[in-house]
Amino acid sequence: MRRGSFTLRGIAGAAVLAVLPVAATAPAYAHDQGKVHATVTPASAAAGAKVEISVTGCEGTTGSAGSGAFTGDAKLTGRDGDKYTLNGSATIRDGVEGSHDVTVVCDGHPHQGVGTLRVVQPQAEQPAEPVSPVRAGGGGTAQLAAHAQEAGPGTRHAVIGLILAGVAAVAVAFRSVRRRRSE
């Protein structure tokens, strides 16, 4: 009888030990799947960019947010996160691309995958070109001035200038001669 009693107690003890780890992990699993959510702004950013992280659902006033895309964990601060948001900022590290999960640690527990971030390649900068250049000066003479600078005075302009100067010299000479005769 004693042997049966020990066996029965042993089986009962083993059953309790087998159920105990499941019961101990159930609350932690429920806590991980809780109401903690992280929002990353902007949701898509390039390497070197700074992003803002807002977390809701944490009890307390501090926490941290981490991701494989961040240069380091972001420190989260704010008022009671259960009713308000905890906020922080992080910088995207070089050499990463694609979608990355955000893990938040608050209330003494990690909350994995409560937010996402997409790291994109930066756009090549286009040189700035004026869309509509301003026509400044002289009521439309800007275009004429541009052509004058490009072409400049040529031989034709020099010959016309010399002819006009010669005509002016002859007119002055004739006028001088007429004044002398009238005296």
N, C-alpha and C. Protein backbone atom coordinates (compact mmCIF):
# COMPACT_ATOMS: atom_id res chain seq x y z
N MET A 1 0.81 -1.17 0.00
CA MET A 1 0.00 0.00 0.00
C MET A 1 0.87 1.25 0.00
N ARG A 2 1.94 1.15 0.77
CA ARG A 2 2.82 2.28 0.81
C ARG A 2 3.43 2.56 -0.55
N ARG A 3 3.78 1.55 -1.24
CA ARG A 3 4.38 1.71 -2.54
C ARG A 3 3.39 2.37 -3.50
N GLY A 4 2.16 1.99 -3.51
CA GLY A 4 1.13 2.58 -4.36
C GLY A 4 0.89 4.03 -4.00
N SER A 5 0.96 4.35 -2.73
CA SER A 5 0.77 5.72 -2.27
C SER A 5 1.91 6.60 -2.76
N PHE A 6 3.16 6.10 -2.68
CA PHE A 6 4.30 6.86 -3.16
C PHE A 6 4.21 7.05 -4.68
N THR A 7 3.80 6.04 -5.37
CA THR A 7 3.67 6.13 -6.82
C THR A 7 2.60 7.15 -7.19
N LEU A 8 1.49 7.10 -6.50
CA LEU A 8 0.41 8.04 -6.77
C LEU A 8 0.85 9.47 -6.47
N ARG A 9 1.56 9.68 -5.39
CA ARG A 9 2.07 11.01 -5.04
C ARG A 9 3.10 11.48 -6.07
N GLY A 10 3.94 10.60 -6.52
CA GLY A 10 4.96 10.93 -7.53
C GLY A 10 4.32 11.35 -8.84
N ILE A 11 3.29 10.62 -9.25
CA ILE A 11 2.60 10.97 -10.50
C ILE A 11 1.91 12.33 -10.35
N ALA A 12 1.29 12.57 -9.22
CA ALA A 12 0.62 13.85 -8.98
C ALA A 12 1.64 14.99 -8.96
N GLY A 13 2.79 14.76 -8.34
CA GLY A 13 3.83 15.79 -8.31
C GLY A 13 4.37 16.09 -9.70
N ALA A 14 4.58 15.05 -10.50
CA ALA A 14 5.07 15.24 -11.85
C ALA A 14 4.06 16.01 -12.70
N ALA A 15 2.78 15.73 -12.50
CA ALA A 15 1.74 16.44 -13.24
C ALA A 15 1.73 17.91 -12.87
N VAL A 16 1.88 18.20 -11.56
CA VAL A 16 1.92 19.60 -11.12
C VAL A 16 3.13 20.29 -11.71
N LEU A 17 4.30 19.66 -11.73
CA LEU A 17 5.50 20.26 -12.30
C LEU A 17 5.37 20.45 -13.81
N ALA A 18 4.67 19.55 -14.48
CA ALA A 18 4.49 19.66 -15.92
C ALA A 18 3.55 20.82 -16.26
N VAL A 19 2.53 21.05 -15.43
CA VAL A 19 1.56 22.12 -15.69
C VAL A 19 2.10 23.47 -15.23
N LEU A 20 2.96 23.51 -14.24
CA LEU A 20 3.47 24.75 -13.67
C LEU A 20 4.17 25.64 -14.70
N PRO A 21 5.10 25.13 -15.54
CA PRO A 21 5.73 26.02 -16.53
C PRO A 21 4.73 26.60 -17.53
N VAL A 22 3.72 25.83 -17.92
CA VAL A 22 2.71 26.34 -18.85
C VAL A 22 1.93 27.46 -18.19
N ALA A 23 1.56 27.30 -16.93
CA ALA A 23 0.82 28.34 -16.22
C ALA A 23 1.69 29.56 -16.01
N ALA A 24 2.98 29.38 -15.79
CA ALA A 24 3.87 30.50 -15.55
C ALA A 24 4.10 31.29 -16.84
N THR A 25 4.13 30.64 -18.00
CA THR A 25 4.37 31.35 -19.25
C THR A 25 3.11 31.94 -19.83
N ALA A 26 1.95 31.48 -19.46
CA ALA A 26 0.71 32.01 -20.02
C ALA A 26 0.54 33.49 -19.74
N PRO A 27 0.75 33.99 -18.51
CA PRO A 27 0.61 35.43 -18.31
C PRO A 27 1.64 36.23 -19.09
N ALA A 28 2.87 35.74 -19.23
CA ALA A 28 3.88 36.46 -19.99
C ALA A 28 3.49 36.52 -21.46
N TYR A 29 2.94 35.46 -21.99
CA TYR A 29 2.51 35.44 -23.37
C TYR A 29 1.37 36.42 -23.58
N ALA A 30 0.45 36.46 -22.66
CA ALA A 30 -0.68 37.39 -22.76
C ALA A 30 -0.17 38.82 -22.64
N HIS A 31 0.86 39.05 -21.82
CA HIS A 31 1.41 40.39 -21.66
C HIS A 31 2.08 40.85 -22.96
N ASP A 32 2.82 39.94 -23.64
CA ASP A 32 3.48 40.28 -24.89
C ASP A 32 2.48 40.62 -25.98
N GLN A 33 1.33 40.02 -25.96
CA GLN A 33 0.32 40.25 -26.98
C GLN A 33 -0.66 41.35 -26.56
N GLY A 34 -0.26 42.16 -25.60
CA GLY A 34 -1.15 43.17 -25.02
C GLY A 34 -1.40 44.36 -25.92
N LYS A 35 -1.63 45.45 -25.26
CA LYS A 35 -2.09 46.66 -25.93
C LYS A 35 -0.97 47.63 -26.27
N VAL A 36 0.28 47.22 -26.21
CA VAL A 36 1.41 48.11 -26.53
C VAL A 36 1.56 48.21 -28.05
N HIS A 37 1.59 49.46 -28.54
CA HIS A 37 1.75 49.72 -29.98
C HIS A 37 2.75 50.85 -30.18
N ALA A 38 3.60 50.70 -31.19
CA ALA A 38 4.59 51.73 -31.51
C ALA A 38 4.32 52.27 -32.90
N THR A 39 4.43 53.60 -33.03
CA THR A 39 4.28 54.27 -34.31
C THR A 39 5.58 54.99 -34.62
N VAL A 40 6.15 54.73 -35.80
CA VAL A 40 7.39 55.36 -36.22
C VAL A 40 7.06 56.40 -37.28
N THR A 41 7.56 57.63 -37.09
CA THR A 41 7.29 58.72 -38.03
C THR A 41 8.61 59.31 -38.49
N PRO A 42 8.90 59.36 -39.77
CA PRO A 42 8.13 58.82 -40.88
C PRO A 42 8.25 57.30 -40.94
N ALA A 43 7.26 56.68 -41.53
CA ALA A 43 7.23 55.22 -41.60
C ALA A 43 8.30 54.67 -42.54
N SER A 44 8.73 55.48 -43.52
CA SER A 44 9.81 55.12 -44.45
C SER A 44 10.88 56.19 -44.34
N ALA A 45 12.12 55.76 -44.13
CA ALA A 45 13.22 56.72 -43.99
C ALA A 45 14.49 56.13 -44.56
N ALA A 46 15.43 56.99 -44.92
CA ALA A 46 16.72 56.57 -45.46
C ALA A 46 17.76 56.51 -44.34
N ALA A 47 18.87 55.86 -44.62
CA ALA A 47 19.95 55.77 -43.64
C ALA A 47 20.42 57.16 -43.25
N GLY A 48 20.67 57.35 -41.96
CA GLY A 48 21.10 58.64 -41.45
C GLY A 48 19.95 59.54 -41.02
N ALA A 49 18.73 59.18 -41.37
CA ALA A 49 17.57 60.00 -41.02
C ALA A 49 17.19 59.78 -39.55
N LYS A 50 16.58 60.77 -38.98
CA LYS A 50 16.11 60.68 -37.60
C LYS A 50 14.61 60.40 -37.64
N VAL A 51 14.16 59.43 -36.85
CA VAL A 51 12.74 59.09 -36.77
C VAL A 51 12.24 59.29 -35.36
N GLU A 52 10.95 59.59 -35.25
CA GLU A 52 10.31 59.75 -33.95
C GLU A 52 9.49 58.50 -33.66
N ILE A 53 9.56 58.02 -32.41
CA ILE A 53 8.81 56.83 -32.00
C ILE A 53 7.81 57.25 -30.93
N SER A 54 6.54 56.89 -31.13
CA SER A 54 5.48 57.14 -30.14
C SER A 54 4.92 55.79 -29.73
N VAL A 55 4.83 55.53 -28.43
CA VAL A 55 4.38 54.24 -27.92
C VAL A 55 3.18 54.46 -27.01
N THR A 56 2.14 53.66 -27.22
CA THR A 56 0.97 53.69 -26.35
C THR A 56 0.81 52.33 -25.69
N GLY A 57 0.16 52.31 -24.52
CA GLY A 57 -0.15 51.06 -23.85
C GLY A 57 0.81 50.65 -22.76
N CYS A 58 1.88 51.39 -22.54
CA CYS A 58 2.83 51.07 -21.46
C CYS A 58 2.38 51.73 -20.17
N GLU A 59 2.55 51.02 -19.09
CA GLU A 59 2.32 51.63 -17.79
C GLU A 59 3.64 52.21 -17.34
N GLY A 60 3.64 53.38 -16.77
CA GLY A 60 4.86 54.02 -16.34
C GLY A 60 5.22 55.18 -17.23
N THR A 61 6.37 55.78 -16.95
CA THR A 61 6.77 56.99 -17.67
C THR A 61 8.04 56.85 -18.49
N THR A 62 8.67 55.67 -18.49
CA THR A 62 9.90 55.47 -19.26
C THR A 62 9.88 54.12 -19.94
N GLY A 63 10.75 53.99 -20.92
CA GLY A 63 10.91 52.73 -21.63
C GLY A 63 11.98 52.91 -22.68
N SER A 64 12.11 51.93 -23.56
CA SER A 64 13.06 52.04 -24.66
C SER A 64 12.49 51.31 -25.87
N ALA A 65 12.93 51.76 -27.04
CA ALA A 65 12.51 51.13 -28.30
C ALA A 65 13.77 50.79 -29.08
N GLY A 66 13.80 49.61 -29.63
CA GLY A 66 14.97 49.17 -30.38
C GLY A 66 14.57 48.49 -31.67
N SER A 67 15.49 48.51 -32.62
CA SER A 67 15.29 47.85 -33.90
C SER A 67 16.66 47.60 -34.50
N GLY A 68 16.73 46.64 -35.39
CA GLY A 68 17.98 46.38 -36.10
C GLY A 68 18.37 47.52 -37.02
N ALA A 69 17.43 48.42 -37.29
CA ALA A 69 17.69 49.55 -38.17
C ALA A 69 18.23 50.76 -37.42
N PHE A 70 18.12 50.80 -36.08
CA PHE A 70 18.53 51.96 -35.29
C PHE A 70 20.01 51.86 -34.95
N THR A 71 20.65 53.03 -34.78
CA THR A 71 22.04 53.05 -34.33
C THR A 71 22.14 52.66 -32.87
N GLY A 72 21.09 52.83 -32.11
CA GLY A 72 21.03 52.46 -30.70
C GLY A 72 19.59 52.51 -30.24
N ASP A 73 19.33 52.04 -29.02
CA ASP A 73 17.97 52.07 -28.50
C ASP A 73 17.53 53.51 -28.27
N ALA A 74 16.26 53.76 -28.54
CA ALA A 74 15.67 55.07 -28.30
C ALA A 74 15.11 55.10 -26.89
N LYS A 75 15.46 56.11 -26.12
CA LYS A 75 14.91 56.26 -24.77
C LYS A 75 13.53 56.90 -24.90
N LEU A 76 12.54 56.25 -24.29
CA LEU A 76 11.17 56.75 -24.33
C LEU A 76 10.82 57.40 -23.00
N THR A 77 10.24 58.57 -23.05
CA THR A 77 9.80 59.26 -21.84
C THR A 77 8.43 59.88 -22.08
N GLY A 78 7.74 60.18 -21.03
CA GLY A 78 6.44 60.83 -21.11
C GLY A 78 5.66 60.62 -19.85
N ARG A 79 4.39 60.93 -19.92
CA ARG A 79 3.50 60.69 -18.79
C ARG A 79 3.06 59.24 -18.84
N ASP A 80 2.21 58.85 -17.97
CA ASP A 80 1.73 57.47 -17.86
C ASP A 80 1.32 56.97 -19.25
N GLY A 81 2.10 56.03 -19.81
CA GLY A 81 1.89 55.56 -21.17
C GLY A 81 0.61 54.78 -21.36
N ASP A 82 -0.03 54.34 -20.28
CA ASP A 82 -1.28 53.62 -20.42
C ASP A 82 -2.37 54.55 -20.94
N LYS A 83 -2.27 55.84 -20.56
CA LYS A 83 -3.25 56.82 -21.00
C LYS A 83 -2.68 57.79 -22.01
N TYR A 84 -1.37 57.98 -22.00
CA TYR A 84 -0.70 58.93 -22.88
C TYR A 84 0.39 58.19 -23.65
N THR A 85 1.12 58.90 -24.50
CA THR A 85 2.19 58.27 -25.28
C THR A 85 3.54 58.51 -24.64
N LEU A 86 4.41 57.54 -24.82
CA LEU A 86 5.83 57.71 -24.50
C LEU A 86 6.52 58.03 -25.82
N ASN A 87 7.43 59.00 -25.82
CA ASN A 87 8.05 59.45 -27.05
C ASN A 87 9.56 59.40 -26.96
N GLY A 88 10.17 59.18 -28.11
CA GLY A 88 11.62 59.19 -28.22
C GLY A 88 12.03 59.31 -29.67
N SER A 89 13.33 59.37 -29.93
CA SER A 89 13.81 59.46 -31.30
C SER A 89 15.03 58.55 -31.48
N ALA A 90 15.24 58.14 -32.72
CA ALA A 90 16.36 57.26 -33.06
C ALA A 90 16.87 57.65 -34.44
N THR A 91 18.10 57.26 -34.73
CA THR A 91 18.71 57.51 -36.03
C THR A 91 18.87 56.18 -36.76
N ILE A 92 18.56 56.18 -38.06
CA ILE A 92 18.68 54.98 -38.89
C ILE A 92 20.17 54.78 -39.22
N ARG A 93 20.67 53.58 -38.99
CA ARG A 93 22.09 53.32 -39.24
C ARG A 93 22.33 53.04 -40.72
N ASP A 94 23.56 53.21 -41.15
CA ASP A 94 23.96 52.97 -42.54
C ASP A 94 23.99 51.48 -42.83
N GLY A 95 23.78 51.14 -44.09
CA GLY A 95 23.91 49.76 -44.54
C GLY A 95 22.70 48.88 -44.30
N VAL A 96 21.56 49.44 -43.95
CA VAL A 96 20.35 48.64 -43.76
C VAL A 96 19.33 49.04 -44.81
N GLU A 97 18.44 48.12 -45.10
CA GLU A 97 17.40 48.36 -46.08
C GLU A 97 16.27 47.39 -45.82
N GLY A 98 15.08 47.75 -46.21
CA GLY A 98 13.93 46.85 -46.06
C GLY A 98 13.11 47.17 -44.83
N SER A 99 12.24 46.22 -44.47
CA SER A 99 11.31 46.40 -43.35
C SER A 99 11.91 45.82 -42.07
N HIS A 100 11.78 46.56 -40.97
CA HIS A 100 12.34 46.15 -39.68
C HIS A 100 11.29 46.30 -38.59
N ASP A 101 11.24 45.31 -37.69
CA ASP A 101 10.33 45.37 -36.54
C ASP A 101 10.91 46.25 -35.45
N VAL A 102 10.01 46.83 -34.65
CA VAL A 102 10.41 47.65 -33.51
C VAL A 102 9.99 46.90 -32.25
N THR A 103 10.93 46.76 -31.31
CA THR A 103 10.67 46.12 -30.02
C THR A 103 10.71 47.19 -28.94
N VAL A 104 9.68 47.18 -28.11
CA VAL A 104 9.59 48.16 -27.02
C VAL A 104 9.76 47.43 -25.70
N VAL A 105 10.57 48.00 -24.80
CA VAL A 105 10.73 47.47 -23.46
C VAL A 105 10.13 48.50 -22.51
N CYS A 106 9.05 48.09 -21.84
CA CYS A 106 8.43 48.93 -20.81
C CYS A 106 7.73 47.99 -19.83
N ASP A 107 7.40 48.48 -18.67
CA ASP A 107 6.77 47.67 -17.63
C ASP A 107 7.66 46.49 -17.24
N GLY A 108 8.95 46.55 -17.56
CA GLY A 108 9.86 45.46 -17.24
C GLY A 108 9.75 44.29 -18.20
N HIS A 109 9.03 44.45 -19.32
CA HIS A 109 8.84 43.36 -20.28
C HIS A 109 9.14 43.83 -21.69
N PRO A 110 9.71 42.95 -22.52
CA PRO A 110 9.86 43.29 -23.93
C PRO A 110 8.56 43.02 -24.70
N HIS A 111 8.23 43.91 -25.60
CA HIS A 111 7.06 43.77 -26.46
C HIS A 111 7.59 43.77 -27.89
N GLN A 112 7.71 42.57 -28.46
CA GLN A 112 8.35 42.43 -29.76
C GLN A 112 7.36 42.65 -30.89
N GLY A 113 7.85 43.30 -31.96
CA GLY A 113 7.05 43.48 -33.17
C GLY A 113 5.83 44.36 -32.99
N VAL A 114 5.91 45.37 -32.13
CA VAL A 114 4.75 46.23 -31.90
C VAL A 114 4.72 47.41 -32.86
N GLY A 115 5.71 47.51 -33.72
CA GLY A 115 5.76 48.56 -34.74
C GLY A 115 6.71 48.14 -35.84
N THR A 116 6.64 48.83 -36.98
CA THR A 116 7.53 48.53 -38.11
C THR A 116 8.08 49.82 -38.69
N LEU A 117 9.19 49.67 -39.38
CA LEU A 117 9.87 50.77 -40.04
C LEU A 117 10.41 50.25 -41.36
N ARG A 118 10.30 51.06 -42.41
CA ARG A 118 10.84 50.68 -43.72
C ARG A 118 12.01 51.61 -44.03
N VAL A 119 13.18 51.00 -44.28
CA VAL A 119 14.38 51.77 -44.63
C VAL A 119 14.53 51.72 -46.14
N VAL A 120 14.62 52.90 -46.77
CA VAL A 120 14.70 53.01 -48.23
C VAL A 120 16.02 53.66 -48.62
N GLN A 121 16.40 53.51 -49.87
CA GLN A 121 17.59 54.15 -50.41
C GLN A 121 17.28 55.62 -50.64
N PRO A 122 18.23 56.52 -50.35
CA PRO A 122 17.97 57.95 -50.58
C PRO A 122 17.89 58.25 -52.07
N GLN A 123 17.06 59.23 -52.43
CA GLN A 123 16.91 59.66 -53.81
C GLN A 123 18.12 60.52 -54.20
N ALA A 124 18.60 60.35 -55.44
CA ALA A 124 19.69 61.19 -55.93
C ALA A 124 19.15 62.61 -56.12
N GLU A 125 19.92 63.58 -55.65
CA GLU A 125 19.46 64.96 -55.73
C GLU A 125 19.61 65.48 -57.15
N GLN A 126 18.56 66.13 -57.64
CA GLN A 126 18.56 66.75 -58.96
C GLN A 126 19.06 68.19 -58.80
N PRO A 127 19.88 68.66 -59.75
CA PRO A 127 20.28 70.06 -59.65
C PRO A 127 19.07 70.96 -59.85
N ALA A 128 19.04 72.03 -59.10
CA ALA A 128 17.90 72.93 -59.16
C ALA A 128 17.94 73.72 -60.47
N GLU A 129 16.85 73.71 -61.21
CA GLU A 129 16.71 74.49 -62.43
C GLU A 129 15.51 75.39 -62.28
N PRO A 130 15.64 76.63 -62.75
CA PRO A 130 14.49 77.51 -62.63
C PRO A 130 13.34 77.02 -63.50
N VAL A 131 12.17 77.06 -62.94
CA VAL A 131 10.99 76.62 -63.69
C VAL A 131 10.54 77.72 -64.62
N SER A 132 10.52 78.93 -64.15
CA SER A 132 10.09 80.07 -64.95
C SER A 132 11.03 81.24 -64.65
N PRO A 133 12.08 81.42 -65.46
CA PRO A 133 13.02 82.49 -65.16
C PRO A 133 12.35 83.86 -65.26
N VAL A 134 12.79 84.78 -64.42
CA VAL A 134 12.23 86.12 -64.38
C VAL A 134 12.86 86.95 -65.49
N ARG A 135 12.03 87.64 -66.25
CA ARG A 135 12.54 88.55 -67.29
C ARG A 135 12.67 89.92 -66.65
N ALA A 136 13.85 90.20 -66.17
CA ALA A 136 14.06 91.43 -65.42
C ALA A 136 14.77 92.46 -66.26
N GLY A 137 14.44 93.72 -66.02
CA GLY A 137 15.17 94.82 -66.62
C GLY A 137 14.66 95.25 -67.97
N GLY A 138 14.33 96.51 -68.09
CA GLY A 138 14.05 97.14 -69.38
C GLY A 138 12.82 96.64 -70.11
N GLY A 139 11.90 96.02 -69.44
CA GLY A 139 10.66 95.62 -70.10
C GLY A 139 10.88 94.66 -71.25
N GLY A 140 11.65 93.67 -71.07
CA GLY A 140 11.85 92.67 -72.13
C GLY A 140 13.20 92.77 -72.79
N THR A 141 14.06 93.69 -72.34
CA THR A 141 15.38 93.81 -72.96
C THR A 141 16.36 92.76 -72.46
N ALA A 142 15.90 91.95 -71.50
CA ALA A 142 16.79 90.91 -70.96
C ALA A 142 17.19 89.93 -72.05
N GLN A 143 16.25 89.61 -72.94
CA GLN A 143 16.60 88.68 -74.02
C GLN A 143 17.57 89.32 -75.00
N LEU A 144 17.37 90.61 -75.28
CA LEU A 144 18.29 91.30 -76.19
C LEU A 144 19.68 91.40 -75.58
N ALA A 145 19.74 91.66 -74.28
CA ALA A 145 21.03 91.74 -73.61
C ALA A 145 21.75 90.40 -73.62
N ALA A 146 20.99 89.32 -73.49
CA ALA A 146 21.60 88.00 -73.52
C ALA A 146 22.22 87.72 -74.88
N HIS A 147 21.53 88.11 -75.95
CA HIS A 147 22.08 87.90 -77.29
C HIS A 147 23.27 88.80 -77.54
N ALA A 148 23.23 90.03 -77.02
CA ALA A 148 24.34 90.96 -77.22
C ALA A 148 25.59 90.44 -76.53
N GLN A 149 25.43 89.83 -75.36
CA GLN A 149 26.59 89.30 -74.66
C GLN A 149 27.17 88.11 -75.40
N GLU A 150 26.30 87.31 -75.98
CA GLU A 150 26.78 86.12 -76.69
C GLU A 150 27.47 86.52 -77.99
N ALA A 151 26.81 87.39 -78.79
CA ALA A 151 27.34 87.72 -80.10
C ALA A 151 28.38 88.83 -80.00
N GLY A 152 28.07 89.93 -79.29
CA GLY A 152 28.98 91.06 -79.19
C GLY A 152 29.02 91.84 -80.49
N PRO A 153 29.64 93.02 -80.48
CA PRO A 153 29.72 93.80 -81.72
C PRO A 153 30.72 93.15 -82.68
N GLY A 154 30.35 93.11 -83.93
CA GLY A 154 31.20 92.50 -84.94
C GLY A 154 31.75 93.55 -85.90
N THR A 155 32.28 93.12 -87.00
CA THR A 155 32.86 94.00 -88.01
C THR A 155 31.79 94.90 -88.61
N ARG A 156 30.63 94.36 -88.84
CA ARG A 156 29.52 95.14 -89.42
C ARG A 156 29.20 96.32 -88.53
N HIS A 157 29.14 96.11 -87.20
CA HIS A 157 28.84 97.19 -86.28
C HIS A 157 29.96 98.24 -86.27
N ALA A 158 31.18 97.81 -86.37
CA ALA A 158 32.31 98.74 -86.38
C ALA A 158 32.29 99.61 -87.63
N VAL A 159 31.98 99.05 -88.80
CA VAL A 159 31.92 99.82 -90.06
C VAL A 159 30.79 100.84 -90.00
N ILE A 160 29.62 100.42 -89.51
CA ILE A 160 28.50 101.35 -89.41
C ILE A 160 28.86 102.49 -88.46
N GLY A 161 29.50 102.18 -87.35
CA GLY A 161 29.93 103.22 -86.41
C GLY A 161 30.90 104.20 -87.03
N LEU A 162 31.87 103.72 -87.82
CA LEU A 162 32.84 104.60 -88.48
C LEU A 162 32.16 105.48 -89.52
N ILE A 163 31.21 104.94 -90.27
CA ILE A 163 30.49 105.73 -91.28
C ILE A 163 29.72 106.85 -90.60
N LEU A 164 28.99 106.53 -89.50
CA LEU A 164 28.22 107.55 -88.79
C LEU A 164 29.15 108.62 -88.20
N ALA A 165 30.29 108.22 -87.68
CA ALA A 165 31.24 109.20 -87.14
C ALA A 165 31.78 110.09 -88.26
N GLY A 166 32.02 109.52 -89.44
CA GLY A 166 32.51 110.31 -90.58
C GLY A 166 31.46 111.30 -91.05
N VAL A 167 30.19 110.86 -91.13
CA VAL A 167 29.10 111.76 -91.54
C VAL A 167 28.97 112.89 -90.53
N ALA A 168 29.07 112.60 -89.27
CA ALA A 168 28.99 113.63 -88.24
C ALA A 168 30.16 114.61 -88.38
N ALA A 169 31.34 114.14 -88.66
CA ALA A 169 32.51 115.02 -88.82
C ALA A 169 32.35 115.93 -90.03
N VAL A 170 31.84 115.39 -91.13
CA VAL A 170 31.61 116.20 -92.35
C VAL A 170 30.55 117.25 -92.07
N ALA A 171 29.46 116.89 -91.35
CA ALA A 171 28.40 117.86 -91.04
C ALA A 171 28.94 118.99 -90.17
N VAL A 172 29.78 118.69 -89.21
CA VAL A 172 30.37 119.73 -88.35
C VAL A 172 31.30 120.61 -89.18
N ALA A 173 32.05 120.02 -90.07
CA ALA A 173 32.98 120.80 -90.90
C ALA A 173 32.20 121.75 -91.82
N PHE A 174 31.15 121.28 -92.48
CA PHE A 174 30.35 122.14 -93.35
C PHE A 174 29.72 123.28 -92.55
N ARG A 175 29.27 123.01 -91.40
CA ARG A 175 28.63 124.02 -90.56
C ARG A 175 29.66 125.08 -90.16
N SER A 176 30.85 124.65 -89.85
CA SER A 176 31.91 125.59 -89.49
C SER A 176 32.26 126.48 -90.67
N VAL A 177 32.32 125.92 -91.86
CA VAL A 177 32.66 126.67 -93.07
C VAL A 177 31.56 127.69 -93.35
N ARG A 178 30.31 127.36 -93.21
CA ARG A 178 29.19 128.26 -93.45
C ARG A 178 29.22 129.42 -92.46
N ARG A 179 29.59 129.17 -91.24
CA ARG A 179 29.63 130.25 -90.25
C ARG A 179 30.74 131.24 -90.60
N ARG A 180 31.85 130.78 -91.08
CA ARG A 180 32.97 131.66 -91.43
C ARG A 180 32.59 132.52 -92.63
N ARG A 181 31.90 131.97 -93.60
CA ARG A 181 31.54 132.74 -94.80
C ARG A 181 30.51 133.80 -94.44
N SER A 182 29.61 133.50 -93.53
CA SER A 182 28.59 134.48 -93.20
C SER A 182 29.17 135.64 -92.38
N GLU A 183 30.29 135.52 -91.83
CA GLU A 183 30.86 136.58 -91.01
C GLU A 183 31.52 137.55 -91.87
